[in-house]
Structure formats: structure tokens, C-alpha cells
Amino acid sequence: MAIAARDVTDAEVLDRIRQGKLIEHVDQMSPAYREGLIRILTVSADTELISAPAYYHAARGAPHLNAFGSATAIIQDELGHAHIAYRLMRDLGVDTEKLIYERAPSRFKYPYAFDVPLDSWVELVVANAFYDRAGFTLLGDVFQSTTFGPWKRALVKVDKEETFHLRHGENWMRKLAQTPEGLADLQAAVDWMFLLTVEWFGLPDDLKRHNEQLDFGFKGKSNDELRQLWMSTAVPLCDEVGLRVPAHYDADAGKYVLDVPFPAQFDAENKRWLLEEGAISWDDVLRRWKYRGPMNDEYVETIQRGKKGLERLIAQG
């Protein structure tokens, strides 16, 4: 009679980490480590996956063929990054086919910002400069700090490609800002996209619910630290090209601070922050995230329809 393997304890995992050893496979994980790792990998994978239809929606408005080619190269990269994270989850025992193709749209776990449509080339390049910068900030921290060996090694490639994505956005913002019309279009995009990216990093540290991400070393910096790191490059970029953002560096506090009520109510249909109504609670933000935004159904359907269509054809014989 076979004897079931004993669960690894959290203490044993933490002891291995303290010795400077990476966690290489599921047999070295405690249940809590595995559950937490799946949680952070799911967010990473879903974010990369949904960015593909989100970026394609805007890439169709590229100003010329070379620009469209650059955008599709970024989309290809994002799908590759999603594949890496889903593949790692499959090694952890997750049914990724079911996860991708059978989940309801509202159950996907990606930043709310992608539920708001990118309707122009200008909005796409601001997304590259802001959203991909957020991805680079998050995954760069994971690359430096994660205790899960396979993910650390896989992120060598991802880190370089995310750098290309954000540089693409930066270069196009500098180019567009050279004309009054381009600068005005950029400002209109930044006005709604900046604060959505500030939101991207999740709950403030005093409200964070899943501390195992730091305890087990899935990442090295807290949400607020990552938010600060993102602003430390995003704000200077906007200053350089002449764009106004609702944030500045407070030398006395030694950090970037927002100049508007935050968190705030967001009108997704009109892409407008209702700052005149004052700050709201993070519980209000969580409710908005839970119910998703206007493009959630469409983007997930875009991902799922090919497999569902093939299954219908097979069923028809």
C-alpha cells in the first residue's frame, strides 16, 4: 500500500529560503506556498493574456504599417509571457485549459485598467509607457526577488521584452509631443490613464490581504513601494515631454505624492475621473474591480471563441 507524501510545512519552506535556496518544484512547497504562488501567477498570466486583445483593439489605428508591425510584435511578446506563467501553473497542477477557456469573464484577474478600451494609437503608446512600465516594475521585482526558481529563470526573457515595450511607448510619446495637436491628444490620454496605473499596484500596504507574497519571497517590494518605483520614472517622463500629471515629488516626505483625491470614482464610459466628488474608500474601488469594466466580456470572448468554435465543429461531426 502506497503511503501519501507528507505535506511540506511553511517552516520548512522558510528555512530553505533563509539558506538562500530556491524552490524548484511542487514537492518542495507547503500548501500555503503553492496556493500563494498560483495566486500571483494567475494575475501575471491573465494580465499578459488580456493585454493582447486590448492592444490589438488600438493597434488597428496605427499611423503606418511599420507602427502596426511594432504593435503586433508587442502583442506577440505578451502572449508569450502569458504562456510562460500558465505553463508554470500547469506544473503546479492547475488545469490551465479550464482556467483560460471555461472561466467567466468576471473571474479573470487582471488590472481594471485593461477593461477600459484603448481607442487610438495615442492611447496605445501611453499604455506602453504606463501599463508596460507597471508590468516591468512588478516583474522586475519578481525577477530580482522571487524564491521560485523556474519563474526567476523565465523572467530573464520577459524582463528584456518589457523594456522594449515601455521604450516603444516613451519614444512615441516624445515624437507625438512635438506638435500641439499631438501633445493635446497625449494629455487627454494621460488624464485618465495615469491614475488607473497608480491603482494597478493594488491595495495600500495597510490594507493588503495576501502577505504571503512577501513572506514567501514571491516578490521583494510591497504594493506602495512598487507604486513609488513606478511614479519615480513615469512622472519624470511626463515632465520631460510637457504633460501634466496629478503627482509631484515631495522632498520633505522623500516620496511622490498625489495632488488629487485618491482613490476616486472613475467613469469608465466617458474615461473621466470624478475628482470633484472627492476621495472614495478602497472598498468602493474593490467593488468596481469585482464588477469589471466595459471591455471585460469582449476581450475574454476574443480569447475563448476559437476553442469554443472548434469544439462546436467537432461536436457537429
Protein backbone atom coordinates (compact mmCIF):
# COMPACT_ATOMS: atom_id res chain seq x y z
CA MET A 1 0.00 0.00 0.00
CA ALA A 2 1.43 3.38 -1.06
CA ILE A 3 1.96 5.95 1.64
CA ALA A 4 0.91 9.53 0.82
CA ALA A 5 3.75 12.02 0.81
CA ARG A 6 3.88 14.27 3.87
CA ASP A 7 3.00 17.90 3.28
CA VAL A 8 5.95 20.24 3.46
CA THR A 9 5.43 22.77 6.26
CA ASP A 10 5.67 26.54 5.99
CA ALA A 11 8.56 26.44 8.46
CA GLU A 12 10.50 24.06 6.21
CA VAL A 13 9.90 26.30 3.19
CA LEU A 14 11.04 29.39 5.09
CA ASP A 15 14.12 27.56 6.36
CA ARG A 16 15.08 26.62 2.80
CA ILE A 17 14.62 30.22 1.71
CA ARG A 18 16.74 31.51 4.60
CA GLN A 19 19.52 29.19 3.41
CA GLY A 20 19.46 31.01 0.08
CA LYS A 21 17.99 28.06 -1.81
CA LEU A 22 15.29 28.43 -4.46
CA ILE A 23 12.08 26.43 -4.54
CA GLU A 24 12.33 24.35 -7.70
CA HIS A 25 9.25 22.10 -7.81
CA VAL A 26 5.96 21.39 -6.12
CA ASP A 27 7.40 18.72 -3.81
CA GLN A 28 9.36 21.46 -2.05
CA MET A 29 6.27 23.64 -1.44
CA SER A 30 3.95 23.85 1.52
CA PRO A 31 0.23 24.10 0.66
CA ALA A 32 0.27 27.81 1.55
CA TYR A 33 3.34 28.47 -0.63
CA ARG A 34 1.75 26.68 -3.59
CA GLU A 35 -1.59 28.47 -3.16
CA GLY A 36 0.07 31.87 -2.92
CA LEU A 37 2.29 31.19 -5.91
CA ILE A 38 -0.69 30.15 -8.02
CA ARG A 39 -2.47 33.35 -6.98
CA ILE A 40 0.33 35.67 -8.12
CA LEU A 41 1.00 33.64 -11.29
CA THR A 42 -2.69 33.81 -12.23
CA VAL A 43 -2.69 37.60 -12.02
CA SER A 44 0.51 37.77 -14.08
CA ALA A 45 -0.75 35.34 -16.73
CA ASP A 46 -4.20 36.91 -17.04
CA THR A 47 -2.70 40.39 -17.34
CA GLU A 48 -0.37 39.37 -20.16
CA LEU A 49 -3.14 37.45 -21.95
CA ILE A 50 -5.76 40.20 -21.87
CA SER A 51 -3.27 42.83 -22.96
CA ALA A 52 -3.23 41.15 -26.38
CA PRO A 53 -6.83 41.94 -27.44
CA ALA A 54 -6.63 45.27 -25.59
CA TYR A 55 -3.57 46.34 -27.57
CA TYR A 56 -4.87 44.95 -30.86
CA HIS A 57 -8.07 46.98 -30.42
CA ALA A 58 -5.95 50.14 -30.61
CA ALA A 59 -3.20 48.90 -32.95
CA ARG A 60 -5.66 48.89 -35.84
CA GLY A 61 -5.39 52.68 -35.73
CA ALA A 62 -1.61 52.68 -36.24
CA PRO A 63 -0.44 55.59 -38.40
CA HIS A 64 1.51 53.38 -40.82
CA LEU A 65 2.48 49.76 -41.46
CA ASN A 66 5.78 49.90 -39.55
CA ALA A 67 3.97 51.18 -36.47
CA PHE A 68 1.42 48.39 -36.77
CA GLY A 69 4.25 45.88 -37.05
CA SER A 70 5.81 47.17 -33.82
CA ALA A 71 2.47 46.90 -32.05
CA THR A 72 1.88 43.33 -33.23
CA ALA A 73 5.40 42.38 -32.10
CA ILE A 74 4.50 43.65 -28.63
CA ILE A 75 1.25 41.66 -28.71
CA GLN A 76 3.19 38.53 -29.68
CA ASP A 77 5.53 39.09 -26.74
CA GLU A 78 2.61 39.49 -24.34
CA LEU A 79 1.10 36.19 -25.45
CA GLY A 80 4.48 34.54 -24.94
CA HIS A 81 4.67 35.97 -21.41
CA ALA A 82 1.18 34.66 -20.67
CA HIS A 83 2.21 31.21 -21.92
CA ILE A 84 5.18 31.17 -19.53
CA ALA A 85 3.03 31.89 -16.48
CA TYR A 86 0.27 29.44 -17.44
CA ARG A 87 2.89 26.77 -18.18
CA LEU A 88 4.36 27.22 -14.70
CA MET A 89 0.89 26.86 -13.20
CA ARG A 90 0.35 23.65 -15.14
CA ASP A 91 3.46 22.26 -13.46
CA LEU A 92 1.80 23.13 -10.14
CA GLY A 93 -1.23 21.01 -11.00
CA VAL A 94 -3.54 23.71 -12.37
CA ASP A 95 -5.86 22.79 -15.25
CA THR A 96 -4.88 25.76 -17.40
CA GLU A 97 -7.16 24.79 -20.32
CA LYS A 98 -10.11 25.12 -17.99
CA LEU A 99 -8.67 28.23 -16.41
CA ILE A 100 -8.32 30.04 -19.74
CA TYR A 101 -11.29 28.77 -21.71
CA GLU A 102 -14.00 28.00 -19.17
CA ARG A 103 -13.76 30.85 -16.67
CA ALA A 104 -16.42 33.53 -16.73
CA PRO A 105 -15.01 36.91 -17.84
CA SER A 106 -15.55 38.47 -14.42
CA ARG A 107 -13.36 35.76 -12.84
CA PHE A 108 -10.23 36.80 -14.73
CA LYS A 109 -7.68 38.53 -12.52
CA TYR A 110 -6.01 41.38 -14.37
CA PRO A 111 -5.81 45.11 -13.59
CA TYR A 112 -9.02 47.03 -14.10
CA ALA A 113 -7.22 49.44 -16.45
CA PHE A 114 -7.41 46.89 -19.28
CA ASP A 115 -11.22 46.87 -19.05
CA VAL A 116 -11.26 50.45 -20.37
CA PRO A 117 -10.82 50.45 -24.16
CA LEU A 118 -7.74 51.83 -25.83
CA ASP A 119 -9.38 53.55 -28.79
CA SER A 120 -6.46 55.20 -30.57
CA TRP A 121 -2.79 54.92 -31.37
CA VAL A 122 -2.08 57.66 -28.84
CA GLU A 123 -3.79 55.67 -26.08
CA LEU A 124 -1.85 52.56 -27.10
CA VAL A 125 1.54 54.23 -26.80
CA VAL A 126 0.58 55.76 -23.45
CA ALA A 127 -0.42 52.25 -22.38
CA ASN A 128 3.02 51.02 -23.42
CA ALA A 129 4.65 53.81 -21.45
CA PHE A 130 2.39 53.42 -18.38
CA TYR A 131 0.97 49.88 -18.29
CA ASP A 132 4.06 48.12 -19.58
CA ARG A 133 6.12 50.20 -17.17
CA ALA A 134 3.89 48.84 -14.39
CA GLY A 135 4.44 45.31 -15.69
CA PHE A 136 8.19 45.92 -15.89
CA THR A 137 8.17 47.30 -12.33
CA LEU A 138 6.25 44.33 -10.96
CA LEU A 139 8.01 41.58 -12.87
CA GLY A 140 11.41 43.22 -12.47
CA ASP A 141 10.89 42.98 -8.73
CA VAL A 142 9.80 39.33 -9.06
CA PHE A 143 12.85 38.62 -11.24
CA GLN A 144 15.17 40.06 -8.60
CA SER A 145 13.47 38.61 -5.55
CA THR A 146 11.37 35.53 -6.28
CA THR A 147 12.18 32.31 -4.45
CA PHE A 148 10.56 30.19 -7.20
CA GLY A 149 13.43 29.15 -9.43
CA PRO A 150 11.60 28.34 -12.69
CA TRP A 151 9.89 31.74 -12.70
CA LYS A 152 13.13 33.60 -11.95
CA ARG A 153 14.83 31.96 -14.93
CA ALA A 154 11.87 32.51 -17.26
CA LEU A 155 11.74 36.21 -16.42
CA VAL A 156 15.20 36.83 -17.92
CA LYS A 157 13.48 36.91 -21.33
CA VAL A 158 10.35 38.69 -20.12
CA ASP A 159 12.32 41.48 -18.44
CA LYS A 160 14.12 42.37 -21.67
CA GLU A 161 10.94 42.36 -23.75
CA GLU A 162 9.00 44.51 -21.29
CA THR A 163 11.85 47.04 -21.54
CA PHE A 164 11.27 47.20 -25.31
CA HIS A 165 7.54 47.74 -24.79
CA LEU A 166 7.89 50.69 -22.43
CA ARG A 167 10.66 52.24 -24.57
CA HIS A 168 8.31 51.98 -27.55
CA GLY A 169 5.76 54.00 -25.61
CA GLU A 170 8.32 56.55 -24.43
CA ASN A 171 9.72 57.15 -27.90
CA TRP A 172 6.28 57.59 -29.45
CA MET A 173 5.21 59.97 -26.68
CA ARG A 174 8.29 62.12 -27.34
CA LYS A 175 7.54 62.07 -31.06
CA LEU A 176 3.86 62.95 -30.71
CA ALA A 177 4.57 65.71 -28.18
CA GLN A 178 6.45 67.71 -30.82
CA THR A 179 3.20 69.12 -32.23
CA PRO A 180 0.46 70.99 -30.33
CA GLU A 181 -2.14 68.54 -31.59
CA GLY A 182 -0.11 65.52 -30.53
CA LEU A 183 0.59 67.00 -27.12
CA ALA A 184 -3.13 67.67 -26.60
CA ASP A 185 -4.01 64.10 -27.57
CA LEU A 186 -1.38 62.74 -25.21
CA GLN A 187 -2.64 64.92 -22.37
CA ALA A 188 -6.20 63.66 -22.89
CA ALA A 189 -4.96 60.06 -22.61
CA VAL A 190 -2.72 60.75 -19.61
CA ASP A 191 -5.59 62.45 -17.79
CA TRP A 192 -7.43 59.14 -17.38
CA MET A 193 -4.64 56.58 -17.71
CA PHE A 194 -2.20 57.91 -15.11
CA LEU A 195 -4.39 57.29 -12.07
CA LEU A 196 -5.57 53.94 -13.42
CA THR A 197 -1.93 52.86 -13.44
CA VAL A 198 -1.41 54.19 -9.92
CA GLU A 199 -4.31 51.88 -8.99
CA TRP A 200 -2.61 48.99 -10.84
CA PHE A 201 -0.42 48.10 -7.86
CA GLY A 202 -3.36 47.17 -5.67
CA LEU A 203 -4.38 47.94 -2.14
CA PRO A 204 -2.16 50.14 0.03
CA ASP A 205 0.13 48.25 2.35
CA ASP A 206 -2.01 48.78 5.44
CA LEU A 207 -4.95 47.06 3.73
CA LYS A 208 -3.06 44.30 1.89
CA ARG A 209 -4.65 40.88 2.32
CA HIS A 210 -2.12 38.39 0.95
CA ASN A 211 1.10 38.92 2.87
CA GLU A 212 2.50 35.57 1.76
CA GLN A 213 3.79 37.30 -1.38
CA LEU A 214 6.41 38.99 0.78
CA ASP A 215 6.66 36.33 3.49
CA PHE A 216 7.49 33.59 0.99
CA GLY A 217 9.54 35.88 -1.22
CA PHE A 218 7.37 35.77 -4.34
CA LYS A 219 8.32 39.43 -4.66
CA GLY A 220 10.60 41.76 -2.73
CA LYS A 221 8.75 45.08 -2.53
CA SER A 222 5.34 45.97 -1.13
CA ASN A 223 2.48 47.47 -3.18
CA ASP A 224 3.22 51.01 -2.03
CA GLU A 225 6.95 50.60 -2.67
CA LEU A 226 6.23 49.39 -6.21
CA ARG A 227 3.79 52.26 -6.75
CA GLN A 228 6.51 54.69 -5.74
CA LEU A 229 9.02 53.00 -8.01
CA TRP A 230 6.63 53.32 -10.97
CA MET A 231 5.98 57.02 -10.30
CA SER A 232 9.71 57.66 -9.95
CA THR A 233 10.10 57.11 -13.71
CA ALA A 234 6.60 57.80 -15.06
CA VAL A 235 6.32 61.30 -13.57
CA PRO A 236 9.73 62.49 -14.89
CA LEU A 237 8.83 61.13 -18.35
CA CYS A 238 5.65 63.20 -18.41
CA ASP A 239 7.51 66.26 -17.12
CA GLU A 240 10.09 65.82 -19.89
CA VAL A 241 7.53 65.85 -22.71
CA GLY A 242 5.40 68.64 -21.22
CA LEU A 243 2.50 66.63 -19.84
CA ARG A 244 0.69 67.42 -16.63
CA VAL A 245 0.17 64.65 -14.10
CA PRO A 246 -1.55 64.87 -10.69
CA ALA A 247 1.58 63.94 -8.74
CA HIS A 248 4.85 65.50 -7.62
CA TYR A 249 7.91 64.59 -5.61
CA ASP A 250 7.75 65.77 -2.00
CA ALA A 251 11.36 66.23 -0.91
CA ASP A 252 10.41 66.53 2.76
CA ALA A 253 8.46 63.27 2.70
CA GLY A 254 11.02 61.63 0.41
CA LYS A 255 8.34 60.23 -1.90
CA TYR A 256 5.91 61.01 -4.70
CA VAL A 257 2.52 62.27 -3.57
CA LEU A 258 -0.75 62.68 -5.45
CA ASP A 259 -2.29 66.14 -5.87
CA VAL A 260 -5.88 64.93 -6.18
CA PRO A 261 -8.30 62.87 -4.08
CA PHE A 262 -7.33 59.20 -4.28
CA PRO A 263 -8.75 56.65 -4.61
CA ALA A 264 -11.52 58.27 -6.62
CA GLN A 265 -14.62 57.41 -8.59
CA PHE A 266 -13.98 56.61 -12.26
CA ASP A 267 -16.48 56.98 -15.10
CA ALA A 268 -15.32 54.23 -17.44
CA GLU A 269 -17.78 55.01 -20.23
CA ASN A 270 -16.51 58.58 -20.54
CA LYS A 271 -12.94 57.88 -19.40
CA ARG A 272 -13.11 60.53 -16.71
CA TRP A 273 -12.19 60.72 -13.05
CA LEU A 274 -14.89 62.26 -10.87
CA LEU A 275 -12.36 64.08 -8.74
CA GLU A 276 -14.85 66.80 -7.87
CA GLU A 277 -16.72 64.24 -5.78
CA GLY A 278 -13.72 63.70 -3.50
CA ALA A 279 -11.99 60.54 -2.36
CA ILE A 280 -13.76 57.20 -2.02
CA SER A 281 -12.84 54.15 0.03
CA TRP A 282 -10.77 51.23 -1.20
CA ASP A 283 -13.86 49.08 -0.61
CA ASP A 284 -15.54 51.16 -3.33
CA VAL A 285 -12.57 50.51 -5.61
CA LEU A 286 -12.71 46.78 -4.90
CA ARG A 287 -16.38 46.73 -5.92
CA ARG A 288 -15.52 48.41 -9.23
CA TRP A 289 -12.73 45.90 -9.81
CA LYS A 290 -15.04 42.99 -8.96
CA TYR A 291 -17.71 44.00 -11.46
CA ARG A 292 -15.06 44.71 -14.11
CA GLY A 293 -15.31 47.31 -16.86
CA PRO A 294 -16.82 47.79 -20.32
CA MET A 295 -14.38 45.61 -22.32
CA ASN A 296 -14.15 42.60 -19.98
CA ASP A 297 -16.70 40.43 -21.80
CA GLU A 298 -15.43 41.32 -25.27
CA TYR A 299 -11.76 40.71 -24.56
CA VAL A 300 -12.32 37.37 -22.82
CA GLU A 301 -14.68 36.27 -25.61
CA THR A 302 -11.94 37.12 -28.12
CA ILE A 303 -9.56 34.81 -26.25
CA GLN A 304 -12.05 31.96 -25.80
CA ARG A 305 -14.02 31.92 -29.05
CA GLY A 306 -11.53 29.98 -31.18
CA LYS A 307 -11.50 26.95 -28.90
CA LYS A 308 -15.24 27.11 -28.35
CA GLY A 309 -15.85 27.32 -32.10
CA LEU A 310 -13.61 24.31 -32.72
CA GLU A 311 -15.45 22.33 -30.05
CA ARG A 312 -18.78 23.12 -31.72
CA LEU A 313 -17.47 21.91 -35.09
CA ILE A 314 -16.19 18.69 -33.57
CA ALA A 315 -19.49 18.11 -31.81
CA GLN A 316 -21.34 18.51 -35.11
CA GLY A 317 -19.24 15.70 -36.54
